[in-house]
Full PDB file with SEQRES, HELIX, SHEET, SSBOND, CRYST1, ORIGX, SCALE, CONECT and MASTER records, all heavy atoms in Angstrom:
SEQRES   1 A   39  VAL GLU LEU PRO GLY LEU GLN GLU PRO ALA GLU ALA ALA          
SEQRES   2 A   39  LYS VAL LEU GLY ARG THR ALA GLN LEU THR PHE HIS PRO          
SEQRES   3 A   39  VAL LEU GLY ASP GLY PRO ALA ALA GLY PRO GLY ALA ASP          
HELIX    1 AA1 PRO A    9  LEU A   16  1                                   8    
CRYST1    1.000    1.000    1.000  90.00  90.00  90.00 P 1           1          
ORIGX1      1.000000  0.000000  0.000000        0.00000                         
ORIGX2      0.000000  1.000000  0.000000        0.00000                         
ORIGX3      0.000000  0.000000  1.000000        0.00000                         
SCALE1      1.000000  0.000000  0.000000        0.00000                         
SCALE2      0.000000  1.000000  0.000000        0.00000                         
SCALE3      0.000000  0.000000  1.000000        0.00000                         
ATOM      1  N   VAL A   1       0.388 -17.911 -27.995  1.00  0.00           N  
ATOM      2  CA  VAL A   1      -0.995 -18.394 -27.725  1.00  0.00           C  
ATOM      3  C   VAL A   1      -1.743 -18.466 -29.094  1.00  0.00           C  
ATOM      4  O   VAL A   1      -1.801 -17.452 -29.836  1.00  0.00           O  
ATOM      5  CB  VAL A   1      -1.725 -17.422 -26.784  1.00  0.00           C  
ATOM      6  CG1 VAL A   1      -3.132 -17.921 -26.523  1.00  0.00           C  
ATOM      7  CG2 VAL A   1      -0.968 -17.270 -25.516  1.00  0.00           C  
ATOM      8  N   GLU A   2      -2.268 -19.634 -29.416  1.00  0.00           N  
ATOM      9  CA  GLU A   2      -3.002 -19.832 -30.622  1.00  0.00           C  
ATOM     10  C   GLU A   2      -4.436 -20.153 -30.255  1.00  0.00           C  
ATOM     11  O   GLU A   2      -4.752 -21.076 -29.502  1.00  0.00           O  
ATOM     12  CB  GLU A   2      -2.438 -20.976 -31.496  1.00  0.00           C  
ATOM     13  CG  GLU A   2      -1.062 -20.621 -32.047  1.00  0.00           C  
ATOM     14  CD  GLU A   2      -0.570 -21.679 -33.045  1.00  0.00           C  
ATOM     15  OE1 GLU A   2      -1.162 -22.758 -33.092  1.00  0.00           O  
ATOM     16  OE2 GLU A   2       0.423 -21.393 -33.760  1.00  0.00           O  
ATOM     17  N   LEU A   3      -5.355 -19.405 -30.870  1.00  0.00           N  
ATOM     18  CA  LEU A   3      -6.796 -19.508 -30.553  1.00  0.00           C  
ATOM     19  C   LEU A   3      -7.553 -19.786 -31.803  1.00  0.00           C  
ATOM     20  O   LEU A   3      -8.062 -18.830 -32.458  1.00  0.00           O  
ATOM     21  CB  LEU A   3      -7.271 -18.248 -29.830  1.00  0.00           C  
ATOM     22  CG  LEU A   3      -6.486 -17.774 -28.641  1.00  0.00           C  
ATOM     23  CD1 LEU A   3      -6.888 -16.379 -28.187  1.00  0.00           C  
ATOM     24  CD2 LEU A   3      -6.665 -18.794 -27.508  1.00  0.00           C  
ATOM     25  N   PRO A   4      -7.719 -21.055 -32.218  1.00  0.00           N  
ATOM     26  CA  PRO A   4      -8.450 -21.355 -33.485  1.00  0.00           C  
ATOM     27  C   PRO A   4      -9.891 -20.852 -33.438  1.00  0.00           C  
ATOM     28  O   PRO A   4     -10.569 -21.013 -32.403  1.00  0.00           O  
ATOM     29  CB  PRO A   4      -8.381 -22.903 -33.551  1.00  0.00           C  
ATOM     30  CG  PRO A   4      -7.240 -23.254 -32.636  1.00  0.00           C  
ATOM     31  CD  PRO A   4      -7.222 -22.271 -31.540  1.00  0.00           C  
ATOM     32  N   GLY A   5     -10.288 -20.296 -34.502  1.00  0.00           N  
ATOM     33  CA  GLY A   5     -11.689 -19.870 -34.607  1.00  0.00           C  
ATOM     34  C   GLY A   5     -11.988 -18.493 -34.011  1.00  0.00           C  
ATOM     35  O   GLY A   5     -13.044 -17.937 -34.325  1.00  0.00           O  
ATOM     36  N   LEU A   6     -11.115 -17.958 -33.208  1.00  0.00           N  
ATOM     37  CA  LEU A   6     -11.348 -16.636 -32.631  1.00  0.00           C  
ATOM     38  C   LEU A   6     -10.977 -15.561 -33.578  1.00  0.00           C  
ATOM     39  O   LEU A   6      -9.768 -15.390 -33.915  1.00  0.00           O  
ATOM     40  CB  LEU A   6     -10.565 -16.497 -31.309  1.00  0.00           C  
ATOM     41  CG  LEU A   6     -10.802 -15.206 -30.510  1.00  0.00           C  
ATOM     42  CD1 LEU A   6     -12.212 -15.185 -29.990  1.00  0.00           C  
ATOM     43  CD2 LEU A   6      -9.819 -15.107 -29.365  1.00  0.00           C  
ATOM     44  N   GLN A   7     -11.936 -14.799 -34.104  1.00  0.00           N  
ATOM     45  CA  GLN A   7     -11.730 -13.810 -35.156  1.00  0.00           C  
ATOM     46  C   GLN A   7     -11.550 -12.351 -34.641  1.00  0.00           C  
ATOM     47  O   GLN A   7     -11.231 -11.501 -35.390  1.00  0.00           O  
ATOM     48  CB  GLN A   7     -12.850 -13.869 -36.185  1.00  0.00           C  
ATOM     49  CG  GLN A   7     -13.064 -15.220 -36.844  1.00  0.00           C  
ATOM     50  CD  GLN A   7     -11.770 -15.732 -37.516  1.00  0.00           C  
ATOM     51  OE1 GLN A   7     -11.139 -14.941 -38.219  1.00  0.00           O  
ATOM     52  NE2 GLN A   7     -11.437 -16.961 -37.283  1.00  0.00           N  
ATOM     53  N   GLU A   8     -11.921 -12.143 -33.340  1.00  0.00           N  
ATOM     54  CA  GLU A   8     -11.774 -10.822 -32.740  1.00  0.00           C  
ATOM     55  C   GLU A   8     -10.600 -10.751 -31.808  1.00  0.00           C  
ATOM     56  O   GLU A   8     -10.703 -11.204 -30.640  1.00  0.00           O  
ATOM     57  CB  GLU A   8     -13.061 -10.459 -32.042  1.00  0.00           C  
ATOM     58  CG  GLU A   8     -14.217 -10.097 -32.993  1.00  0.00           C  
ATOM     59  CD  GLU A   8     -13.894  -8.833 -33.857  1.00  0.00           C  
ATOM     60  OE1 GLU A   8     -13.107  -8.004 -33.421  1.00  0.00           O  
ATOM     61  OE2 GLU A   8     -14.423  -8.764 -34.951  1.00  0.00           O  
ATOM     62  N   PRO A   9      -9.459 -10.264 -32.294  1.00  0.00           N  
ATOM     63  CA  PRO A   9      -8.289 -10.172 -31.376  1.00  0.00           C  
ATOM     64  C   PRO A   9      -8.546  -9.333 -30.114  1.00  0.00           C  
ATOM     65  O   PRO A   9      -7.863  -9.493 -29.143  1.00  0.00           O  
ATOM     66  CB  PRO A   9      -7.207  -9.576 -32.272  1.00  0.00           C  
ATOM     67  CG  PRO A   9      -7.963  -8.847 -33.371  1.00  0.00           C  
ATOM     68  CD  PRO A   9      -9.193  -9.635 -33.565  1.00  0.00           C  
ATOM     69  N   ALA A  10      -9.478  -8.364 -30.191  1.00  0.00           N  
ATOM     70  CA  ALA A  10      -9.755  -7.545 -29.055  1.00  0.00           C  
ATOM     71  C   ALA A  10     -10.240  -8.370 -27.918  1.00  0.00           C  
ATOM     72  O   ALA A  10      -9.949  -8.131 -26.694  1.00  0.00           O  
ATOM     73  CB  ALA A  10     -10.803  -6.495 -29.398  1.00  0.00           C  
ATOM     74  N   GLU A  11     -10.986  -9.458 -28.191  1.00  0.00           N  
ATOM     75  CA  GLU A  11     -11.468 -10.354 -27.140  1.00  0.00           C  
ATOM     76  C   GLU A  11     -10.330 -11.048 -26.454  1.00  0.00           C  
ATOM     77  O   GLU A  11     -10.305 -11.208 -25.223  1.00  0.00           O  
ATOM     78  CB  GLU A  11     -12.443 -11.355 -27.756  1.00  0.00           C  
ATOM     79  CG  GLU A  11     -13.129 -12.245 -26.714  1.00  0.00           C  
ATOM     80  CD  GLU A  11     -14.100 -13.182 -27.352  1.00  0.00           C  
ATOM     81  OE1 GLU A  11     -14.430 -12.995 -28.543  1.00  0.00           O  
ATOM     82  OE2 GLU A  11     -14.560 -14.119 -26.649  1.00  0.00           O  
ATOM     83  N   ALA A  12      -9.353 -11.506 -27.259  1.00  0.00           N  
ATOM     84  CA  ALA A  12      -8.223 -12.221 -26.658  1.00  0.00           C  
ATOM     85  C   ALA A  12      -7.343 -11.205 -25.875  1.00  0.00           C  
ATOM     86  O   ALA A  12      -6.859 -11.535 -24.775  1.00  0.00           O  
ATOM     87  CB  ALA A  12      -7.378 -12.892 -27.731  1.00  0.00           C  
ATOM     88  N   ALA A  13      -7.087 -10.020 -26.408  1.00  0.00           N  
ATOM     89  CA  ALA A  13      -6.228  -9.033 -25.805  1.00  0.00           C  
ATOM     90  C   ALA A  13      -6.844  -8.554 -24.485  1.00  0.00           C  
ATOM     91  O   ALA A  13      -6.130  -8.234 -23.519  1.00  0.00           O  
ATOM     92  CB  ALA A  13      -5.987  -7.847 -26.726  1.00  0.00           C  
ATOM     93  N   LYS A  14      -8.182  -8.551 -24.441  1.00  0.00           N  
ATOM     94  CA  LYS A  14      -8.863  -8.081 -23.234  1.00  0.00           C  
ATOM     95  C   LYS A  14      -8.568  -8.942 -22.070  1.00  0.00           C  
ATOM     96  O   LYS A  14      -8.444  -8.521 -20.915  1.00  0.00           O  
ATOM     97  CB  LYS A  14     -10.383  -8.026 -23.489  1.00  0.00           C  
ATOM     98  CG  LYS A  14     -11.196  -7.482 -22.358  1.00  0.00           C  
ATOM     99  CD  LYS A  14     -12.671  -7.446 -22.697  1.00  0.00           C  
ATOM    100  CE  LYS A  14     -13.516  -6.956 -21.560  1.00  0.00           C  
ATOM    101  NZ  LYS A  14     -14.961  -6.962 -21.875  1.00  0.00           N  
ATOM    102  N   VAL A  15      -8.433 -10.268 -22.306  1.00  0.00           N  
ATOM    103  CA  VAL A  15      -8.174 -11.246 -21.267  1.00  0.00           C  
ATOM    104  C   VAL A  15      -6.660 -11.429 -21.075  1.00  0.00           C  
ATOM    105  O   VAL A  15      -6.202 -11.387 -19.942  1.00  0.00           O  
ATOM    106  CB  VAL A  15      -8.838 -12.569 -21.574  1.00  0.00           C  
ATOM    107  CG1 VAL A  15      -8.470 -13.631 -20.552  1.00  0.00           C  
ATOM    108  CG2 VAL A  15     -10.323 -12.385 -21.646  1.00  0.00           C  
ATOM    109  N   LEU A  16      -5.925 -11.616 -22.175  1.00  0.00           N  
ATOM    110  CA  LEU A  16      -4.506 -11.925 -22.031  1.00  0.00           C  
ATOM    111  C   LEU A  16      -3.643 -10.719 -21.658  1.00  0.00           C  
ATOM    112  O   LEU A  16      -2.590 -10.824 -21.047  1.00  0.00           O  
ATOM    113  CB  LEU A  16      -3.954 -12.495 -23.369  1.00  0.00           C  
ATOM    114  CG  LEU A  16      -4.616 -13.791 -23.824  1.00  0.00           C  
ATOM    115  CD1 LEU A  16      -4.029 -14.190 -25.188  1.00  0.00           C  
ATOM    116  CD2 LEU A  16      -4.386 -14.915 -22.830  1.00  0.00           C  
ATOM    117  N   GLY A  17      -4.135  -9.532 -22.027  1.00  0.00           N  
ATOM    118  CA  GLY A  17      -3.328  -8.321 -21.737  1.00  0.00           C  
ATOM    119  C   GLY A  17      -3.378  -7.857 -20.337  1.00  0.00           C  
ATOM    120  O   GLY A  17      -2.671  -6.928 -19.964  1.00  0.00           O  
ATOM    121  N   ARG A  18      -4.239  -8.435 -19.499  1.00  0.00           N  
ATOM    122  CA  ARG A  18      -4.302  -8.023 -18.079  1.00  0.00           C  
ATOM    123  C   ARG A  18      -3.039  -8.562 -17.390  1.00  0.00           C  
ATOM    124  O   ARG A  18      -2.866  -9.767 -17.245  1.00  0.00           O  
ATOM    125  CB  ARG A  18      -5.561  -8.630 -17.435  1.00  0.00           C  
ATOM    126  CG  ARG A  18      -6.857  -8.331 -18.141  1.00  0.00           C  
ATOM    127  CD  ARG A  18      -7.311  -6.913 -17.838  1.00  0.00           C  
ATOM    128  NE  ARG A  18      -8.624  -6.663 -18.434  1.00  0.00           N  
ATOM    129  CZ  ARG A  18      -9.426  -5.744 -18.027  1.00  0.00           C  
ATOM    130  NH1 ARG A  18      -9.107  -4.971 -17.014  1.00  0.00           N  
ATOM    131  NH2 ARG A  18     -10.619  -5.515 -18.659  1.00  0.00           N  
ATOM    132  N   THR A  19      -2.216  -7.671 -17.030  1.00  0.00           N  
ATOM    133  CA  THR A  19      -0.848  -8.105 -16.589  1.00  0.00           C  
ATOM    134  C   THR A  19      -0.608  -7.986 -15.089  1.00  0.00           C  
ATOM    135  O   THR A  19       0.273  -8.639 -14.552  1.00  0.00           O  
ATOM    136  CB  THR A  19       0.197  -7.273 -17.310  1.00  0.00           C  
ATOM    137  OG1 THR A  19       0.065  -5.882 -16.968  1.00  0.00           O  
ATOM    138  CG2 THR A  19       0.096  -7.435 -18.792  1.00  0.00           C  
ATOM    139  N   ALA A  20      -1.365  -7.095 -14.399  1.00  0.00           N  
ATOM    140  CA  ALA A  20      -0.999  -6.848 -12.958  1.00  0.00           C  
ATOM    141  C   ALA A  20      -1.618  -7.914 -12.052  1.00  0.00           C  
ATOM    142  O   ALA A  20      -2.391  -8.718 -12.483  1.00  0.00           O  
ATOM    143  CB  ALA A  20      -1.431  -5.441 -12.540  1.00  0.00           C  
ATOM    144  N   GLN A  21      -1.268  -7.820 -10.792  1.00  0.00           N  
ATOM    145  CA  GLN A  21      -1.789  -8.746  -9.816  1.00  0.00           C  
ATOM    146  C   GLN A  21      -3.272  -8.526  -9.505  1.00  0.00           C  
ATOM    147  O   GLN A  21      -3.704  -7.365  -9.391  1.00  0.00           O  
ATOM    148  CB  GLN A  21      -0.955  -8.675  -8.527  1.00  0.00           C  
ATOM    149  CG  GLN A  21      -1.275  -9.768  -7.522  1.00  0.00           C  
ATOM    150  CD  GLN A  21      -0.409  -9.659  -6.285  1.00  0.00           C  
ATOM    151  OE1 GLN A  21      -0.123  -8.580  -5.849  1.00  0.00           O  
ATOM    152  NE2 GLN A  21      -0.017 -10.786  -5.793  1.00  0.00           N  
ATOM    153  N   LEU A  22      -3.970  -9.633  -9.353  1.00  0.00           N  
ATOM    154  CA  LEU A  22      -5.390  -9.556  -9.004  1.00  0.00           C  
ATOM    155  C   LEU A  22      -5.471  -9.291  -7.488  1.00  0.00           C  
ATOM    156  O   LEU A  22      -4.892 -10.027  -6.675  1.00  0.00           O  
ATOM    157  CB  LEU A  22      -6.078 -10.898  -9.342  1.00  0.00           C  
ATOM    158  CG  LEU A  22      -7.601 -10.985  -8.985  1.00  0.00           C  
ATOM    159  CD1 LEU A  22      -8.413 -10.115  -9.919  1.00  0.00           C  
ATOM    160  CD2 LEU A  22      -8.016 -12.448  -9.061  1.00  0.00           C  
ATOM    161  N   THR A  23      -6.190  -8.235  -7.063  1.00  0.00           N  
ATOM    162  CA  THR A  23      -6.287  -7.912  -5.693  1.00  0.00           C  
ATOM    163  C   THR A  23      -7.745  -7.496  -5.324  1.00  0.00           C  
ATOM    164  O   THR A  23      -8.525  -7.084  -6.165  1.00  0.00           O  
ATOM    165  CB  THR A  23      -5.358  -6.674  -5.325  1.00  0.00           C  
ATOM    166  OG1 THR A  23      -5.595  -5.635  -6.265  1.00  0.00           O  
ATOM    167  CG2 THR A  23      -3.888  -7.123  -5.401  1.00  0.00           C  
ATOM    168  N   PHE A  24      -8.091  -7.651  -4.009  1.00  0.00           N  
ATOM    169  CA  PHE A  24      -9.375  -7.363  -3.481  1.00  0.00           C  
ATOM    170  C   PHE A  24      -9.212  -6.242  -2.446  1.00  0.00           C  
ATOM    171  O   PHE A  24      -8.410  -6.413  -1.492  1.00  0.00           O  
ATOM    172  CB  PHE A  24     -10.037  -8.581  -2.883  1.00  0.00           C  
ATOM    173  CG  PHE A  24     -10.310  -9.674  -3.871  1.00  0.00           C  
ATOM    174  CD1 PHE A  24      -9.247 -10.511  -4.362  1.00  0.00           C  
ATOM    175  CD2 PHE A  24     -11.606  -9.946  -4.353  1.00  0.00           C  
ATOM    176  CE1 PHE A  24      -9.499 -11.486  -5.253  1.00  0.00           C  
ATOM    177  CE2 PHE A  24     -11.840 -10.942  -5.250  1.00  0.00           C  
ATOM    178  CZ  PHE A  24     -10.808 -11.722  -5.673  1.00  0.00           C  
ATOM    179  N   HIS A  25      -9.964  -5.166  -2.524  1.00  0.00           N  
ATOM    180  CA  HIS A  25      -9.798  -4.022  -1.676  1.00  0.00           C  
ATOM    181  C   HIS A  25     -11.071  -3.618  -0.992  1.00  0.00           C  
ATOM    182  O   HIS A  25     -12.175  -3.700  -1.619  1.00  0.00           O  
ATOM    183  CB  HIS A  25      -9.249  -2.783  -2.472  1.00  0.00           C  
ATOM    184  CG  HIS A  25      -8.010  -3.052  -3.200  1.00  0.00           C  
ATOM    185  ND1 HIS A  25      -6.807  -2.515  -2.758  1.00  0.00           N  
ATOM    186  CD2 HIS A  25      -7.737  -3.752  -4.333  1.00  0.00           C  
ATOM    187  CE1 HIS A  25      -5.838  -2.900  -3.680  1.00  0.00           C  
ATOM    188  NE2 HIS A  25      -6.412  -3.692  -4.573  1.00  0.00           N  
ATOM    189  N   PRO A  26     -11.037  -3.033   0.186  1.00  0.00           N  
ATOM    190  CA  PRO A  26     -12.177  -2.403   0.800  1.00  0.00           C  
ATOM    191  C   PRO A  26     -12.409  -1.061   0.117  1.00  0.00           C  
ATOM    192  O   PRO A  26     -11.461  -0.361  -0.255  1.00  0.00           O  
ATOM    193  CB  PRO A  26     -11.790  -2.231   2.239  1.00  0.00           C  
ATOM    194  CG  PRO A  26     -10.310  -2.123   2.255  1.00  0.00           C  
ATOM    195  CD  PRO A  26      -9.847  -3.049   1.137  1.00  0.00           C  
ATOM    196  N   VAL A  27     -13.685  -0.706  -0.116  1.00  0.00           N  
ATOM    197  CA  VAL A  27     -13.971   0.594  -0.708  1.00  0.00           C  
ATOM    198  C   VAL A  27     -14.204   1.610   0.408  1.00  0.00           C  
ATOM    199  O   VAL A  27     -15.005   1.335   1.384  1.00  0.00           O  
ATOM    200  CB  VAL A  27     -15.267   0.545  -1.548  1.00  0.00           C  
ATOM    201  CG1 VAL A  27     -15.666   1.927  -2.077  1.00  0.00           C  
ATOM    202  CG2 VAL A  27     -15.035  -0.405  -2.760  1.00  0.00           C  
ATOM    203  N   LEU A  28     -13.484   2.707   0.354  1.00  0.00           N  
ATOM    204  CA  LEU A  28     -13.520   3.691   1.393  1.00  0.00           C  
ATOM    205  C   LEU A  28     -14.541   4.802   1.145  1.00  0.00           C  
ATOM    206  O   LEU A  28     -14.882   5.590   2.084  1.00  0.00           O  
ATOM    207  CB  LEU A  28     -12.136   4.358   1.583  1.00  0.00           C  
ATOM    208  CG  LEU A  28     -10.994   3.355   1.842  1.00  0.00           C  
ATOM    209  CD1 LEU A  28      -9.637   4.096   1.934  1.00  0.00           C  
ATOM    210  CD2 LEU A  28     -11.276   2.497   3.068  1.00  0.00           C  
ATOM    211  N   GLY A  29     -15.010   4.917  -0.053  1.00  0.00           N  
ATOM    212  CA  GLY A  29     -16.045   5.920  -0.322  1.00  0.00           C  
ATOM    213  C   GLY A  29     -15.991   6.386  -1.792  1.00  0.00           C  
ATOM    214  O   GLY A  29     -15.163   5.938  -2.576  1.00  0.00           O  
ATOM    215  N   ASP A  30     -16.909   7.285  -2.145  1.00  0.00           N  
ATOM    216  CA  ASP A  30     -16.883   7.904  -3.465  1.00  0.00           C  
ATOM    217  C   ASP A  30     -15.984   9.096  -3.504  1.00  0.00           C  
ATOM    218  O   ASP A  30     -15.522   9.631  -2.476  1.00  0.00           O  
ATOM    219  CB  ASP A  30     -18.320   8.339  -3.836  1.00  0.00           C  
ATOM    220  CG  ASP A  30     -19.249   7.176  -3.960  1.00  0.00           C  
ATOM    221  OD1 ASP A  30     -18.788   6.086  -4.362  1.00  0.00           O  
ATOM    222  OD2 ASP A  30     -20.455   7.334  -3.731  1.00  0.00           O  
ATOM    223  N   GLY A  31     -15.749   9.566  -4.728  1.00  0.00           N  
ATOM    224  CA  GLY A  31     -15.055  10.864  -4.887  1.00  0.00           C  
ATOM    225  C   GLY A  31     -13.529  10.715  -4.791  1.00  0.00           C  
ATOM    226  O   GLY A  31     -12.977   9.619  -4.615  1.00  0.00           O  
ATOM    227  N   PRO A  32     -12.781  11.859  -4.871  1.00  0.00           N  
ATOM    228  CA  PRO A  32     -11.335  11.792  -4.830  1.00  0.00           C  
ATOM    229  C   PRO A  32     -10.765  11.350  -3.517  1.00  0.00           C  
ATOM    230  O   PRO A  32     -11.444  11.430  -2.476  1.00  0.00           O  
ATOM    231  CB  PRO A  32     -10.945  13.275  -5.144  1.00  0.00           C  
ATOM    232  CG  PRO A  32     -12.126  14.053  -4.732  1.00  0.00           C  
ATOM    233  CD  PRO A  32     -13.339  13.256  -4.965  1.00  0.00           C  
ATOM    234  N   ALA A  33      -9.581  10.867  -3.569  1.00  0.00           N  
ATOM    235  CA  ALA A  33      -8.975  10.360  -2.374  1.00  0.00           C  
ATOM    236  C   ALA A  33      -8.719  11.477  -1.342  1.00  0.00           C  
ATOM    237  O   ALA A  33      -8.809  11.208  -0.137  1.00  0.00           O  
ATOM    238  CB  ALA A  33      -7.652   9.655  -2.696  1.00  0.00           C  
ATOM    239  N   ALA A  34      -8.419  12.612  -1.786  1.00  0.00           N  
ATOM    240  CA  ALA A  34      -8.216  13.763  -0.887  1.00  0.00           C  
ATOM    241  C   ALA A  34      -8.508  15.041  -1.599  1.00  0.00           C  
ATOM    242  O   ALA A  34      -7.840  15.394  -2.590  1.00  0.00           O  
ATOM    243  CB  ALA A  34      -6.767  13.745  -0.324  1.00  0.00           C  
ATOM    244  N   GLY A  35      -9.473  15.771  -1.145  1.00  0.00           N  
ATOM    245  CA  GLY A  35      -9.850  17.051  -1.763  1.00  0.00           C  
ATOM    246  C   GLY A  35      -8.979  18.163  -1.324  1.00  0.00           C  
ATOM    247  O   GLY A  35      -8.104  18.015  -0.523  1.00  0.00           O  
ATOM    248  N   PRO A  36      -9.282  19.432  -1.814  1.00  0.00           N  
ATOM    249  CA  PRO A  36      -8.521  20.598  -1.397  1.00  0.00           C  
ATOM    250  C   PRO A  36      -8.571  20.785   0.118  1.00  0.00           C  
ATOM    251  O   PRO A  36      -9.618  20.783   0.691  1.00  0.00           O  
ATOM    252  CB  PRO A  36      -9.186  21.730  -2.180  1.00  0.00           C  
ATOM    253  CG  PRO A  36      -9.886  21.067  -3.274  1.00  0.00           C  
ATOM    254  CD  PRO A  36     -10.302  19.745  -2.814  1.00  0.00           C  
ATOM    255  N   GLY A  37      -7.455  20.917   0.686  1.00  0.00           N  
ATOM    256  CA  GLY A  37      -7.362  21.143   2.134  1.00  0.00           C  
ATOM    257  C   GLY A  37      -7.610  19.918   2.984  1.00  0.00           C  
ATOM    258  O   GLY A  37      -7.525  19.979   4.194  1.00  0.00           O  
ATOM    259  N   ALA A  38      -7.793  18.754   2.295  1.00  0.00           N  
ATOM    260  CA  ALA A  38      -7.994  17.528   3.107  1.00  0.00           C  
ATOM    261  C   ALA A  38      -6.631  16.986   3.573  1.00  0.00           C  
ATOM    262  O   ALA A  38      -5.603  17.359   3.069  1.00  0.00           O  
ATOM    263  CB  ALA A  38      -8.766  16.514   2.271  1.00  0.00           C  
ATOM    264  N   ASP A  39      -6.756  16.013   4.491  1.00  0.00           N  
ATOM    265  CA  ASP A  39      -5.518  15.324   4.933  1.00  0.00           C  
ATOM    266  C   ASP A  39      -4.977  14.485   3.812  1.00  0.00           C  
ATOM    267  O   ASP A  39      -5.681  14.109   2.878  1.00  0.00           O  
ATOM    268  CB  ASP A  39      -5.827  14.508   6.170  1.00  0.00           C  
ATOM    269  CG  ASP A  39      -6.201  15.378   7.370  1.00  0.00           C  
ATOM    270  OD1 ASP A  39      -5.773  16.528   7.392  1.00  0.00           O  
ATOM    271  OD2 ASP A  39      -6.939  14.854   8.215  1.00  0.00           O  
TER     272      ASP A  39                                                      
MASTER        0    0    0    1    0    0    0    6  271    1    0    3          
END                                                                             
């Protein structure tokens, strides 16, 4: 990938380095998935 004029490689790596699948999830709540003693 050649990006003329782009002087900050961090900007390119931020976009190009995203490697996993894009997914959309329902949010179940705040906090840890399961606390002490939880299911």
